[in-house]
Amino acid sequence: MTASTTLAVSQAHEATVSIRAERAADVAAREALLDACFGASRNARTCQRLRDGRRPAEGLALSAMHLGRLVGTVRLWHVDAGGRPALVLGPLAVDPSVRALGIGAALMQHALEAAKALGHGAVILLGDEPYYVRFGFSRAVAEALSLPGPFERHRLLGLELRAGALDGAIGLIVPTGRPDDIAKPARAGRRQLRRAA
């Protein structure tokens, strides 16, 4: 998916931001951005358990480009949400130097539109309700669901892209996406290096 969006920065200035499908060449910049936004402990977070060793959902890994530089990223992942197929969104990250451009909101809109167009019924995330409510997320949709690890209950939010997609969803959210065969050897190699050190 490729789209260009012109976002108003102020009355006197506009910037063009391109949102497109993530490319292999984006990996280093994406990882650096995630480290800068979430810190070194980001891989220890509960939602990471839903992504470990998995590929993002097809067509739902997006990069935001500004002046030839990756400044934003969002990915969605297949899960079973208490017996219902769904997607988990995250992480969503935007370079702090360009947050005023509205890139986070543009990434969210593109990701949700793409997920709906691909036939997905629901999206779940762990985040601040005051930010995500404008996209239609609410606690009520996810109130009977839980994550595989510690989390703040009030931050678990859901959005039905199709009415009733999470009806009867109760219990644990677990990963169901395709295994990432590329990531396995890399992790195994890091474990061997740690043992050798």
Protein backbone atom coordinates (compact mmCIF):
# COMPACT_ATOMS: atom_id res chain seq x y z
CA MET A 1 0.00 0.00 0.00
CA THR A 2 1.40 3.37 -0.94
CA ALA A 3 -0.17 6.73 -0.27
CA SER A 4 0.91 10.32 -0.02
CA THR A 5 -0.66 12.55 2.53
CA THR A 6 -0.19 16.28 2.91
CA LEU A 7 -0.44 17.16 6.56
CA ALA A 8 -0.92 20.71 7.77
CA VAL A 9 1.82 21.63 10.22
CA SER A 10 0.71 25.21 10.66
CA GLN A 11 -1.07 27.79 8.55
CA ALA A 12 2.28 28.89 7.13
CA HIS A 13 3.88 25.50 6.50
CA GLU A 14 2.93 22.07 5.10
CA ALA A 15 5.02 18.92 4.79
CA THR A 16 4.46 15.95 2.53
CA VAL A 17 4.64 12.58 4.22
CA SER A 18 4.57 9.36 2.24
CA ILE A 19 3.16 6.25 3.90
CA ARG A 20 4.09 3.04 2.16
CA ALA A 21 4.59 -0.67 2.73
CA GLU A 22 7.63 -1.42 4.85
CA ARG A 23 10.69 -2.49 2.83
CA ALA A 24 13.67 -4.64 3.77
CA ALA A 25 15.82 -1.50 3.53
CA ASP A 26 13.73 0.06 6.33
CA VAL A 27 14.73 -2.48 8.99
CA ALA A 28 17.79 -0.71 10.46
CA ALA A 29 16.04 2.68 10.56
CA ARG A 30 12.88 1.13 12.02
CA GLU A 31 14.79 -0.63 14.79
CA ALA A 32 16.75 2.54 15.62
CA LEU A 33 13.49 4.52 15.76
CA LEU A 34 11.85 1.95 18.06
CA ASP A 35 14.90 1.99 20.36
CA ALA A 36 14.83 5.80 20.47
CA CYS A 37 11.09 5.89 21.22
CA PHE A 38 10.75 2.97 23.65
CA GLY A 39 14.24 2.33 25.02
CA ALA A 40 16.38 -0.75 25.28
CA SER A 41 13.79 -2.62 27.38
CA ARG A 42 11.15 -2.51 24.64
CA ASN A 43 11.64 -6.19 23.78
CA ALA A 44 10.76 -7.20 27.35
CA ARG A 45 7.25 -5.72 27.18
CA THR A 46 4.19 -7.97 27.36
CA CYS A 47 2.93 -7.17 23.84
CA GLN A 48 6.29 -8.23 22.45
CA ARG A 49 5.34 -11.82 23.40
CA LEU A 50 2.65 -11.59 20.68
CA ARG A 51 5.27 -10.62 18.08
CA ASP A 52 8.27 -12.76 19.01
CA GLY A 53 9.21 -15.09 16.17
CA ARG A 54 6.26 -13.96 14.02
CA ARG A 55 5.88 -12.00 10.83
CA PRO A 56 3.58 -8.99 10.71
CA ALA A 57 0.26 -9.53 8.96
CA GLU A 58 0.60 -9.38 5.18
CA GLY A 59 0.28 -5.82 3.89
CA LEU A 60 0.09 -4.36 7.39
CA ALA A 61 3.65 -3.22 8.10
CA LEU A 62 3.88 0.46 7.18
CA SER A 63 6.63 3.07 7.07
CA ALA A 64 6.22 6.85 7.05
CA MET A 65 8.81 8.74 5.02
CA HIS A 66 9.57 12.46 5.32
CA LEU A 67 12.26 14.16 3.24
CA GLY A 68 13.68 10.75 2.27
CA ARG A 69 13.96 9.53 5.86
CA LEU A 70 11.96 6.92 7.80
CA VAL A 71 10.18 8.87 10.54
CA GLY A 72 7.35 6.55 11.51
CA THR A 73 6.40 2.90 11.70
CA VAL A 74 3.41 0.75 12.57
CA ARG A 75 2.79 -2.98 12.24
CA LEU A 76 -0.17 -5.27 12.87
CA TRP A 77 0.05 -8.92 13.88
CA HIS A 78 -2.34 -11.91 13.71
CA VAL A 79 -3.69 -13.11 17.06
CA ASP A 80 -6.45 -15.20 18.51
CA ALA A 81 -8.34 -12.88 20.86
CA GLY A 82 -10.22 -15.11 23.26
CA GLY A 83 -11.42 -17.39 20.47
CA ARG A 84 -11.84 -14.73 17.76
CA PRO A 85 -9.37 -13.86 14.98
CA ALA A 86 -8.01 -10.35 15.35
CA LEU A 87 -4.97 -8.17 14.86
CA VAL A 88 -2.76 -6.55 17.48
CA LEU A 89 -1.42 -3.14 16.52
CA GLY A 90 2.02 -2.08 17.59
CA PRO A 91 4.37 -0.70 18.05
CA LEU A 92 3.40 2.66 16.61
CA ALA A 93 6.38 5.03 16.69
CA VAL A 94 7.13 8.46 15.29
CA ASP A 95 10.44 10.33 15.38
CA PRO A 96 10.07 12.98 18.13
CA SER A 97 11.45 15.68 15.82
CA VAL A 98 8.41 15.41 13.51
CA ARG A 99 5.57 14.48 15.89
CA ALA A 100 3.84 17.80 15.25
CA LEU A 101 3.23 16.78 11.63
CA GLY A 102 0.43 14.35 12.53
CA ILE A 103 2.34 11.31 11.27
CA GLY A 104 1.11 9.04 14.07
CA ALA A 105 -2.52 9.75 13.23
CA ALA A 106 -1.86 9.27 9.51
CA LEU A 107 -0.17 5.91 10.16
CA MET A 108 -3.11 4.81 12.32
CA GLN A 109 -5.67 5.80 9.70
CA HIS A 110 -3.78 4.04 6.90
CA ALA A 111 -3.22 0.91 8.99
CA LEU A 112 -6.88 0.63 10.00
CA GLU A 113 -8.14 1.32 6.47
CA ALA A 114 -5.75 -1.31 5.08
CA ALA A 115 -6.79 -3.87 7.71
CA LYS A 116 -10.46 -3.31 6.91
CA ALA A 117 -9.83 -3.51 3.15
CA LEU A 118 -8.02 -6.82 3.67
CA GLY A 119 -11.08 -8.23 5.45
CA HIS A 120 -9.88 -8.18 9.06
CA GLY A 121 -12.60 -7.80 11.67
CA ALA A 122 -10.93 -6.37 14.78
CA VAL A 123 -7.82 -4.64 16.08
CA ILE A 124 -6.53 -4.67 19.65
CA LEU A 125 -3.76 -2.60 21.19
CA LEU A 126 -2.24 -1.59 24.49
CA GLY A 127 -2.18 2.19 24.70
CA ASP A 128 -3.52 5.45 26.06
CA GLU A 129 -7.29 5.61 25.58
CA PRO A 130 -7.39 9.44 25.24
CA TYR A 131 -5.15 9.15 22.14
CA TYR A 132 -6.74 6.08 20.53
CA VAL A 133 -10.43 6.84 21.19
CA ARG A 134 -10.47 9.19 18.19
CA PHE A 135 -9.82 6.16 15.96
CA GLY A 136 -12.73 4.26 17.53
CA PHE A 137 -10.87 2.19 20.14
CA SER A 138 -12.46 1.55 23.51
CA ARG A 139 -11.91 -0.46 26.66
CA ALA A 140 -15.39 -1.99 26.46
CA VAL A 141 -14.58 -4.00 23.33
CA ALA A 142 -11.57 -5.66 25.01
CA GLU A 143 -12.81 -5.89 28.61
CA ALA A 144 -13.04 -9.71 28.66
CA LEU A 145 -9.58 -10.20 27.11
CA SER A 146 -6.14 -10.48 28.72
CA LEU A 147 -2.50 -10.51 27.65
CA PRO A 148 0.20 -13.14 28.31
CA GLY A 149 2.01 -11.16 31.00
CA PRO A 150 1.63 -8.09 33.18
CA PHE A 151 -0.33 -5.19 31.71
CA GLU A 152 -2.45 -2.27 32.82
CA ARG A 153 -6.09 -3.31 32.30
CA HIS A 154 -7.28 0.23 31.42
CA ARG A 155 -4.79 0.37 28.51
CA LEU A 156 -6.14 -2.73 26.71
CA LEU A 157 -8.30 -1.33 23.91
CA GLY A 158 -10.21 -2.81 20.99
CA LEU A 159 -11.83 -1.73 17.76
CA GLU A 160 -14.27 -3.76 15.69
CA LEU A 161 -13.75 -3.11 11.98
CA ARG A 162 -16.72 -5.36 11.36
CA ALA A 163 -19.68 -5.24 13.75
CA GLY A 164 -19.69 -8.19 16.16
CA ALA A 165 -16.16 -9.34 15.27
CA LEU A 166 -15.26 -9.68 18.96
CA ASP A 167 -18.66 -10.89 20.21
CA GLY A 168 -18.03 -13.62 22.76
CA ALA A 169 -14.26 -13.03 22.84
CA ILE A 170 -13.14 -14.04 26.33
CA GLY A 171 -9.72 -14.94 27.66
CA LEU A 172 -6.12 -14.80 26.58
CA ILE A 173 -4.81 -13.10 23.44
CA VAL A 174 -2.28 -15.42 21.78
CA PRO A 175 -0.17 -15.10 18.61
CA THR A 176 -1.26 -16.93 15.47
CA GLY A 177 0.77 -15.27 12.71
CA ARG A 178 3.20 -16.96 10.40
CA PRO A 179 6.56 -17.85 11.96
CA ASP A 180 9.44 -15.59 11.00
CA ASP A 181 11.98 -18.12 9.75
CA ILE A 182 14.54 -15.35 9.26
CA ALA A 183 14.38 -14.24 12.91
CA LYS A 184 14.97 -17.72 14.35
CA PRO A 185 18.62 -18.12 13.23
CA ALA A 186 19.40 -14.55 14.32
CA ARG A 187 18.08 -15.19 17.84
CA ALA A 188 19.85 -18.54 18.03
CA GLY A 189 23.09 -16.84 17.02
CA ARG A 190 22.67 -14.18 19.74
CA ARG A 191 22.05 -16.89 22.34
CA GLN A 192 25.25 -18.69 21.29
CA LEU A 193 27.22 -15.44 21.49
CA ARG A 194 25.86 -14.75 24.99
CA ARG A 195 26.82 -18.24 26.16
CA ALA A 196 30.29 -17.82 24.72
CA ALA A 197 30.78 -14.43 26.40
